[in-house]
Amino acid sequence: MGLSASLIHLNHTCGVSPLRRNRAGSKELKLKLSLETRRSGNVMIIHCEGRIVYRDEAAALSRVVGEALQDTREVILDFEGVESLDSAGLGELVLAHMSAEGQGKSVKLSGAQPHVRELLELTNLSSVFELYPSLEDAIETGDEFAPMI
């Protein structure tokens, strides 16, 4: 299954530390998380790059997943570029899963680095989420879902 030509690029540049002042003198925060979404057939893929940690990064992920779930039945979080994940990030993942499940939809995780996968296993979230070694493996399982009407 090929990826569609339509890309929605979301790079979030407001969020957490370090706090800086821009040229106009107003405070500006920078997220240490980049999120890029794209569609592959009936699946929305969210590429995550950086840290899914305390507050703003975790909230940004939750917001993007929520928006994606409005448009599709299945979301794949590509964690290949995730450097770290803390309790706030884990909490947002659980909320995303619960929201999706309540709507008859799903959130899957792919490509998690060994230290992130270990954290998911230690917290028993590996039994909650479908985990795939690669994005391609996760996409292949999405073929069974019918398109949303």
N, C-alpha and C. Protein backbone atom coordinates (compact mmCIF):
# COMPACT_ATOMS: atom_id res chain seq x y z
N MET A 1 0.85 -1.16 0.00
CA MET A 1 0.00 0.00 0.00
C MET A 1 0.90 1.23 0.00
N GLY A 2 0.74 2.11 -0.95
CA GLY A 2 1.56 3.31 -1.03
C GLY A 2 0.99 4.44 -0.20
N LEU A 3 1.83 5.36 0.14
CA LEU A 3 1.40 6.52 0.91
C LEU A 3 0.77 7.53 -0.03
N SER A 4 -0.28 8.17 0.44
CA SER A 4 -0.93 9.17 -0.40
C SER A 4 -0.03 10.39 -0.55
N ALA A 5 -0.29 11.17 -1.58
CA ALA A 5 0.53 12.35 -1.85
C ALA A 5 0.22 13.49 -0.89
N SER A 6 -0.90 13.40 -0.22
CA SER A 6 -1.31 14.48 0.68
C SER A 6 -0.57 14.38 2.01
N LEU A 7 0.19 15.39 2.33
CA LEU A 7 0.91 15.44 3.61
C LEU A 7 0.40 16.61 4.43
N ILE A 8 0.18 16.37 5.68
CA ILE A 8 -0.13 17.44 6.61
C ILE A 8 1.08 17.54 7.51
N HIS A 9 1.77 18.64 7.46
CA HIS A 9 3.00 18.78 8.22
C HIS A 9 2.74 19.63 9.45
N LEU A 10 2.99 19.06 10.61
CA LEU A 10 2.78 19.78 11.85
C LEU A 10 4.08 19.80 12.64
N ASN A 11 4.75 20.91 12.64
CA ASN A 11 5.90 21.08 13.51
C ASN A 11 5.50 22.09 14.56
N HIS A 12 5.41 21.64 15.77
CA HIS A 12 4.98 22.49 16.85
C HIS A 12 6.18 23.25 17.40
N THR A 13 6.07 24.56 17.46
CA THR A 13 7.19 25.37 17.95
C THR A 13 6.79 26.25 19.12
N CYS A 14 5.75 25.89 19.81
CA CYS A 14 5.43 26.59 21.04
C CYS A 14 5.29 25.52 22.10
N GLY A 15 5.73 25.77 23.28
CA GLY A 15 5.65 24.73 24.28
C GLY A 15 6.56 24.95 25.46
N VAL A 16 7.46 24.02 25.73
CA VAL A 16 8.25 24.09 26.95
C VAL A 16 9.67 24.55 26.73
N SER A 17 10.41 24.48 27.80
CA SER A 17 11.75 25.04 27.92
C SER A 17 12.63 24.82 26.71
N PRO A 18 13.65 25.58 26.52
CA PRO A 18 13.98 26.72 27.37
C PRO A 18 13.15 27.94 27.01
N LEU A 19 12.84 28.72 28.04
CA LEU A 19 12.09 29.94 27.85
C LEU A 19 13.01 31.01 27.30
N ARG A 20 12.60 31.64 26.21
CA ARG A 20 13.42 32.67 25.58
C ARG A 20 12.54 33.86 25.25
N ARG A 21 13.17 34.95 24.98
CA ARG A 21 12.45 36.13 24.51
C ARG A 21 12.76 36.31 23.03
N ASN A 22 11.72 36.58 22.26
CA ASN A 22 11.94 36.82 20.84
C ASN A 22 12.28 38.29 20.62
N ARG A 23 12.47 38.70 19.39
CA ARG A 23 12.89 40.08 19.09
C ARG A 23 11.89 41.11 19.59
N ALA A 24 10.64 40.77 19.62
CA ALA A 24 9.61 41.70 20.09
C ALA A 24 9.57 41.77 21.61
N GLY A 25 10.34 40.93 22.27
CA GLY A 25 10.40 40.94 23.73
C GLY A 25 9.39 40.03 24.41
N SER A 26 8.53 39.37 23.65
CA SER A 26 7.56 38.48 24.28
C SER A 26 8.20 37.11 24.52
N LYS A 27 7.67 36.43 25.51
CA LYS A 27 8.21 35.11 25.86
C LYS A 27 7.83 34.10 24.79
N GLU A 28 8.76 33.24 24.48
CA GLU A 28 8.54 32.22 23.47
C GLU A 28 9.09 30.90 24.01
N LEU A 29 8.30 29.86 23.88
CA LEU A 29 8.72 28.54 24.33
C LEU A 29 8.89 27.65 23.11
N LYS A 30 9.77 26.68 23.21
CA LYS A 30 10.02 25.80 22.07
C LYS A 30 9.85 24.35 22.51
N LEU A 31 8.99 23.64 21.80
CA LEU A 31 8.80 22.21 22.07
C LEU A 31 10.01 21.43 21.61
N LYS A 32 10.29 20.37 22.31
CA LYS A 32 11.35 19.46 21.91
C LYS A 32 10.73 18.22 21.28
N LEU A 33 9.67 18.46 20.53
CA LEU A 33 8.94 17.39 19.86
C LEU A 33 8.43 17.89 18.52
N SER A 34 8.70 17.13 17.49
CA SER A 34 8.19 17.44 16.16
C SER A 34 7.20 16.34 15.78
N LEU A 35 6.04 16.74 15.31
CA LEU A 35 4.99 15.80 14.92
C LEU A 35 4.62 16.07 13.47
N GLU A 36 4.67 15.04 12.67
CA GLU A 36 4.30 15.16 11.26
C GLU A 36 3.27 14.10 10.95
N THR A 37 2.15 14.50 10.37
CA THR A 37 1.10 13.53 10.07
C THR A 37 0.99 13.33 8.57
N ARG A 38 0.62 12.12 8.21
CA ARG A 38 0.34 11.79 6.80
C ARG A 38 -0.60 10.60 6.76
N ARG A 39 -1.29 10.49 5.67
CA ARG A 39 -2.26 9.40 5.50
C ARG A 39 -1.68 8.32 4.60
N SER A 40 -1.95 7.09 4.97
CA SER A 40 -1.62 5.94 4.14
C SER A 40 -2.88 5.09 4.05
N GLY A 41 -3.59 5.22 2.95
CA GLY A 41 -4.86 4.51 2.82
C GLY A 41 -5.84 5.00 3.87
N ASN A 42 -6.32 4.08 4.70
CA ASN A 42 -7.29 4.41 5.74
C ASN A 42 -6.64 4.70 7.09
N VAL A 43 -5.33 4.84 7.10
CA VAL A 43 -4.57 4.98 8.35
C VAL A 43 -3.91 6.35 8.39
N MET A 44 -3.96 7.00 9.56
CA MET A 44 -3.24 8.24 9.76
C MET A 44 -1.97 7.91 10.54
N ILE A 45 -0.84 8.34 10.00
CA ILE A 45 0.46 8.09 10.62
C ILE A 45 0.96 9.39 11.24
N ILE A 46 1.41 9.31 12.48
CA ILE A 46 2.00 10.47 13.14
C ILE A 46 3.45 10.13 13.45
N HIS A 47 4.37 10.78 12.73
CA HIS A 47 5.80 10.60 12.99
C HIS A 47 6.17 11.50 14.16
N CYS A 48 6.75 10.89 15.18
CA CYS A 48 7.14 11.62 16.39
C CYS A 48 8.66 11.67 16.46
N GLU A 49 9.19 12.86 16.64
CA GLU A 49 10.64 13.04 16.72
C GLU A 49 10.95 13.92 17.91
N GLY A 50 11.71 13.39 18.87
CA GLY A 50 12.10 14.19 20.03
C GLY A 50 11.65 13.55 21.33
N ARG A 51 11.21 14.41 22.25
CA ARG A 51 10.84 13.97 23.59
C ARG A 51 9.34 14.12 23.82
N ILE A 52 8.74 13.08 24.36
CA ILE A 52 7.33 13.15 24.75
C ILE A 52 7.34 13.17 26.27
N VAL A 53 7.44 14.37 26.78
CA VAL A 53 7.65 14.55 28.22
C VAL A 53 6.73 15.64 28.76
N TYR A 54 6.91 15.89 30.01
CA TYR A 54 6.13 16.80 30.83
C TYR A 54 5.39 17.87 30.05
N ARG A 55 4.15 17.88 30.26
CA ARG A 55 3.22 18.92 29.90
C ARG A 55 3.05 19.22 28.41
N ASP A 56 3.77 20.20 27.89
CA ASP A 56 3.45 20.72 26.56
C ASP A 56 3.70 19.72 25.44
N GLU A 57 4.81 19.00 25.49
CA GLU A 57 5.05 18.00 24.45
C GLU A 57 3.99 16.91 24.50
N ALA A 58 3.72 16.41 25.70
CA ALA A 58 2.72 15.36 25.86
C ALA A 58 1.34 15.86 25.42
N ALA A 59 1.01 17.09 25.79
CA ALA A 59 -0.29 17.67 25.40
C ALA A 59 -0.38 17.86 23.89
N ALA A 60 0.73 18.26 23.26
CA ALA A 60 0.73 18.43 21.80
C ALA A 60 0.46 17.09 21.11
N LEU A 61 1.09 16.03 21.59
CA LEU A 61 0.85 14.71 21.01
C LEU A 61 -0.62 14.33 21.17
N SER A 62 -1.16 14.54 22.35
CA SER A 62 -2.55 14.20 22.61
C SER A 62 -3.49 14.97 21.68
N ARG A 63 -3.22 16.24 21.48
CA ARG A 63 -4.05 17.07 20.60
C ARG A 63 -4.01 16.56 19.15
N VAL A 64 -2.81 16.25 18.67
CA VAL A 64 -2.66 15.78 17.29
C VAL A 64 -3.32 14.41 17.11
N VAL A 65 -3.17 13.52 18.09
CA VAL A 65 -3.83 12.21 18.00
C VAL A 65 -5.35 12.40 17.98
N GLY A 66 -5.86 13.28 18.85
CA GLY A 66 -7.30 13.54 18.88
C GLY A 66 -7.82 14.04 17.55
N GLU A 67 -7.08 14.96 16.93
CA GLU A 67 -7.48 15.47 15.61
C GLU A 67 -7.44 14.37 14.55
N ALA A 68 -6.43 13.52 14.62
CA ALA A 68 -6.30 12.43 13.65
C ALA A 68 -7.46 11.44 13.79
N LEU A 69 -7.87 11.17 15.03
CA LEU A 69 -8.96 10.23 15.26
C LEU A 69 -10.30 10.74 14.74
N GLN A 70 -10.41 12.04 14.51
CA GLN A 70 -11.64 12.58 13.93
C GLN A 70 -11.77 12.20 12.45
N ASP A 71 -10.63 11.94 11.81
CA ASP A 71 -10.61 11.71 10.36
C ASP A 71 -10.38 10.26 9.95
N THR A 72 -10.06 9.39 10.89
CA THR A 72 -9.74 8.01 10.53
C THR A 72 -10.05 7.07 11.69
N ARG A 73 -10.09 5.79 11.39
CA ARG A 73 -10.37 4.79 12.43
C ARG A 73 -9.10 4.27 13.07
N GLU A 74 -7.97 4.50 12.43
CA GLU A 74 -6.72 3.95 12.95
C GLU A 74 -5.60 4.99 12.86
N VAL A 75 -4.89 5.12 13.97
CA VAL A 75 -3.73 6.01 14.04
C VAL A 75 -2.52 5.18 14.41
N ILE A 76 -1.43 5.39 13.68
CA ILE A 76 -0.16 4.75 14.03
C ILE A 76 0.79 5.84 14.49
N LEU A 77 1.31 5.68 15.69
CA LEU A 77 2.33 6.58 16.21
C LEU A 77 3.69 5.98 15.88
N ASP A 78 4.41 6.62 14.98
CA ASP A 78 5.74 6.16 14.60
C ASP A 78 6.73 6.73 15.61
N PHE A 79 7.19 5.88 16.52
CA PHE A 79 8.06 6.29 17.63
C PHE A 79 9.54 6.13 17.32
N GLU A 80 9.89 5.89 16.07
CA GLU A 80 11.30 5.66 15.74
C GLU A 80 12.19 6.82 16.19
N GLY A 81 11.70 8.04 16.13
CA GLY A 81 12.51 9.20 16.50
C GLY A 81 12.30 9.69 17.92
N VAL A 82 11.58 8.92 18.75
CA VAL A 82 11.32 9.35 20.12
C VAL A 82 12.54 9.04 20.98
N GLU A 83 13.10 10.09 21.57
CA GLU A 83 14.30 9.96 22.41
C GLU A 83 13.96 9.61 23.84
N SER A 84 12.88 10.20 24.37
CA SER A 84 12.50 9.92 25.75
C SER A 84 11.00 10.07 25.93
N LEU A 85 10.52 9.40 26.96
CA LEU A 85 9.10 9.35 27.27
C LEU A 85 8.99 9.31 28.79
N ASP A 86 8.21 10.22 29.38
CA ASP A 86 8.08 10.22 30.84
C ASP A 86 6.63 9.88 31.23
N SER A 87 6.32 10.03 32.52
CA SER A 87 4.99 9.65 33.00
C SER A 87 3.89 10.48 32.36
N ALA A 88 4.16 11.75 32.07
CA ALA A 88 3.15 12.58 31.40
C ALA A 88 2.89 12.05 30.00
N GLY A 89 3.93 11.68 29.29
CA GLY A 89 3.78 11.10 27.96
C GLY A 89 3.04 9.78 28.00
N LEU A 90 3.38 8.95 28.99
CA LEU A 90 2.68 7.67 29.15
C LEU A 90 1.20 7.90 29.43
N GLY A 91 0.92 8.89 30.29
CA GLY A 91 -0.47 9.21 30.61
C GLY A 91 -1.26 9.65 29.39
N GLU A 92 -0.65 10.48 28.56
CA GLU A 92 -1.32 10.94 27.34
C GLU A 92 -1.55 9.78 26.36
N LEU A 93 -0.61 8.84 26.32
CA LEU A 93 -0.80 7.65 25.48
C LEU A 93 -2.01 6.85 25.95
N VAL A 94 -2.13 6.69 27.27
CA VAL A 94 -3.26 5.94 27.82
C VAL A 94 -4.57 6.66 27.49
N LEU A 95 -4.59 7.98 27.66
CA LEU A 95 -5.80 8.74 27.34
C LEU A 95 -6.16 8.61 25.86
N ALA A 96 -5.16 8.66 24.99
CA ALA A 96 -5.40 8.51 23.55
C ALA A 96 -5.99 7.13 23.25
N HIS A 97 -5.43 6.11 23.89
CA HIS A 97 -5.94 4.75 23.71
C HIS A 97 -7.39 4.64 24.16
N MET A 98 -7.68 5.19 25.34
CA MET A 98 -9.04 5.11 25.88
C MET A 98 -10.03 5.86 24.98
N SER A 99 -9.62 7.03 24.49
CA SER A 99 -10.47 7.81 23.60
C SER A 99 -10.75 7.04 22.31
N ALA A 100 -9.71 6.48 21.73
CA ALA A 100 -9.86 5.72 20.49
C ALA A 100 -10.75 4.51 20.71
N GLU A 101 -10.48 3.77 21.76
CA GLU A 101 -11.25 2.56 22.04
C GLU A 101 -12.73 2.88 22.25
N GLY A 102 -13.00 3.99 22.94
CA GLY A 102 -14.38 4.40 23.17
C GLY A 102 -15.13 4.75 21.90
N GLN A 103 -14.39 5.06 20.84
CA GLN A 103 -15.00 5.39 19.55
C GLN A 103 -14.93 4.22 18.56
N GLY A 104 -14.46 3.07 19.04
CA GLY A 104 -14.31 1.92 18.15
C GLY A 104 -13.14 2.07 17.20
N LYS A 105 -12.14 2.83 17.60
CA LYS A 105 -10.96 3.10 16.77
C LYS A 105 -9.72 2.56 17.48
N SER A 106 -8.55 2.73 16.85
CA SER A 106 -7.34 2.21 17.49
C SER A 106 -6.14 3.13 17.29
N VAL A 107 -5.23 3.04 18.26
CA VAL A 107 -3.94 3.72 18.21
C VAL A 107 -2.88 2.64 18.36
N LYS A 108 -1.98 2.56 17.39
CA LYS A 108 -0.89 1.58 17.41
C LYS A 108 0.44 2.30 17.51
N LEU A 109 1.45 1.61 18.02
CA LEU A 109 2.79 2.18 18.13
C LEU A 109 3.75 1.38 17.27
N SER A 110 4.64 2.09 16.58
CA SER A 110 5.64 1.39 15.77
C SER A 110 7.02 1.99 15.99
N GLY A 111 8.03 1.15 15.78
CA GLY A 111 9.42 1.60 15.73
C GLY A 111 10.00 2.14 17.01
N ALA A 112 9.44 1.81 18.16
CA ALA A 112 9.96 2.33 19.43
C ALA A 112 11.40 1.86 19.65
N GLN A 113 12.25 2.79 20.06
CA GLN A 113 13.63 2.47 20.40
C GLN A 113 13.62 1.51 21.60
N PRO A 114 14.69 0.72 21.78
CA PRO A 114 14.72 -0.27 22.87
C PRO A 114 14.40 0.31 24.25
N HIS A 115 14.93 1.48 24.59
CA HIS A 115 14.67 2.04 25.92
C HIS A 115 13.22 2.49 26.07
N VAL A 116 12.58 2.94 25.00
CA VAL A 116 11.17 3.33 25.05
C VAL A 116 10.31 2.07 25.13
N ARG A 117 10.64 1.07 24.35
CA ARG A 117 9.89 -0.20 24.38
C ARG A 117 10.00 -0.84 25.77
N GLU A 118 11.17 -0.77 26.37
CA GLU A 118 11.35 -1.32 27.72
C GLU A 118 10.44 -0.61 28.72
N LEU A 119 10.33 0.71 28.60
CA LEU A 119 9.45 1.48 29.47
C LEU A 119 7.99 1.06 29.27
N LEU A 120 7.60 0.85 28.04
CA LEU A 120 6.24 0.39 27.75
C LEU A 120 5.99 -0.99 28.35
N GLU A 121 7.01 -1.84 28.33
CA GLU A 121 6.88 -3.17 28.92
C GLU A 121 6.85 -3.10 30.45
N LEU A 122 7.71 -2.27 31.04
CA LEU A 122 7.75 -2.14 32.50
C LEU A 122 6.43 -1.61 33.07
N THR A 123 5.78 -0.73 32.32
CA THR A 123 4.51 -0.16 32.77
C THR A 123 3.31 -0.98 32.30
N ASN A 124 3.57 -2.09 31.66
CA ASN A 124 2.55 -3.00 31.13
C ASN A 124 1.70 -2.38 30.02
N LEU A 125 2.15 -1.27 29.45
CA LEU A 125 1.43 -0.68 28.32
C LEU A 125 1.64 -1.48 27.04
N SER A 126 2.63 -2.35 27.06
CA SER A 126 2.84 -3.23 25.89
C SER A 126 1.68 -4.20 25.73
N SER A 127 0.90 -4.41 26.79
CA SER A 127 -0.27 -5.27 26.68
C SER A 127 -1.52 -4.47 26.30
N VAL A 128 -1.43 -3.15 26.37
CA VAL A 128 -2.56 -2.28 26.02
C VAL A 128 -2.50 -1.89 24.55
N PHE A 129 -1.31 -1.54 24.08
CA PHE A 129 -1.11 -1.09 22.70
C PHE A 129 -0.61 -2.23 21.83
N GLU A 130 -0.98 -2.18 20.56
CA GLU A 130 -0.36 -3.05 19.58
C GLU A 130 0.97 -2.40 19.23
N LEU A 131 2.08 -3.13 19.46
CA LEU A 131 3.42 -2.62 19.19
C LEU A 131 3.99 -3.34 17.97
N TYR A 132 4.58 -2.59 17.07
CA TYR A 132 5.17 -3.15 15.86
C TYR A 132 6.61 -2.70 15.74
N PRO A 133 7.48 -3.58 15.26
CA PRO A 133 8.90 -3.22 15.14
C PRO A 133 9.15 -2.12 14.12
N SER A 134 8.28 -2.02 13.11
CA SER A 134 8.50 -1.00 12.08
C SER A 134 7.17 -0.40 11.64
N LEU A 135 7.25 0.76 11.04
CA LEU A 135 6.07 1.42 10.51
C LEU A 135 5.41 0.57 9.43
N GLU A 136 6.22 -0.04 8.59
CA GLU A 136 5.69 -0.88 7.51
C GLU A 136 4.86 -2.03 8.06
N ASP A 137 5.34 -2.66 9.14
CA ASP A 137 4.59 -3.76 9.76
C ASP A 137 3.24 -3.26 10.28
N ALA A 138 3.23 -2.10 10.89
CA ALA A 138 1.99 -1.54 11.44
C ALA A 138 1.02 -1.17 10.32
N ILE A 139 1.53 -0.61 9.23
CA ILE A 139 0.67 -0.23 8.10
C ILE A 139 0.00 -1.45 7.49
N GLU A 140 0.74 -2.54 7.35
CA GLU A 140 0.18 -3.75 6.75
C GLU A 140 -1.04 -4.25 7.49
N THR A 141 -1.07 -4.09 8.80
CA THR A 141 -2.23 -4.56 9.58
C THR A 141 -3.42 -3.64 9.41
N GLY A 142 -3.22 -2.43 8.89
CA GLY A 142 -4.31 -1.48 8.72
C GLY A 142 -5.21 -1.78 7.55
N ASP A 143 -4.81 -2.69 6.68
CA ASP A 143 -5.60 -3.00 5.49
C ASP A 143 -6.96 -3.61 5.83
N GLU A 144 -7.10 -4.16 7.03
CA GLU A 144 -8.34 -4.83 7.38
C GLU A 144 -9.46 -3.86 7.72
N PHE A 145 -9.13 -2.59 7.96
CA PHE A 145 -10.14 -1.62 8.35
C PHE A 145 -10.83 -1.03 7.12
N ALA A 146 -12.13 -0.93 7.20
CA ALA A 146 -12.90 -0.30 6.11
C ALA A 146 -12.78 1.21 6.23
N PRO A 147 -12.90 1.93 5.11
CA PRO A 147 -12.83 3.39 5.19
C PRO A 147 -13.99 3.97 5.99
N MET A 148 -13.72 5.08 6.66
CA MET A 148 -14.78 5.76 7.41
C MET A 148 -15.71 6.47 6.44
N ILE A 149 -16.97 6.51 6.80
CA ILE A 149 -17.96 7.20 5.97
C ILE A 149 -18.39 8.46 6.68
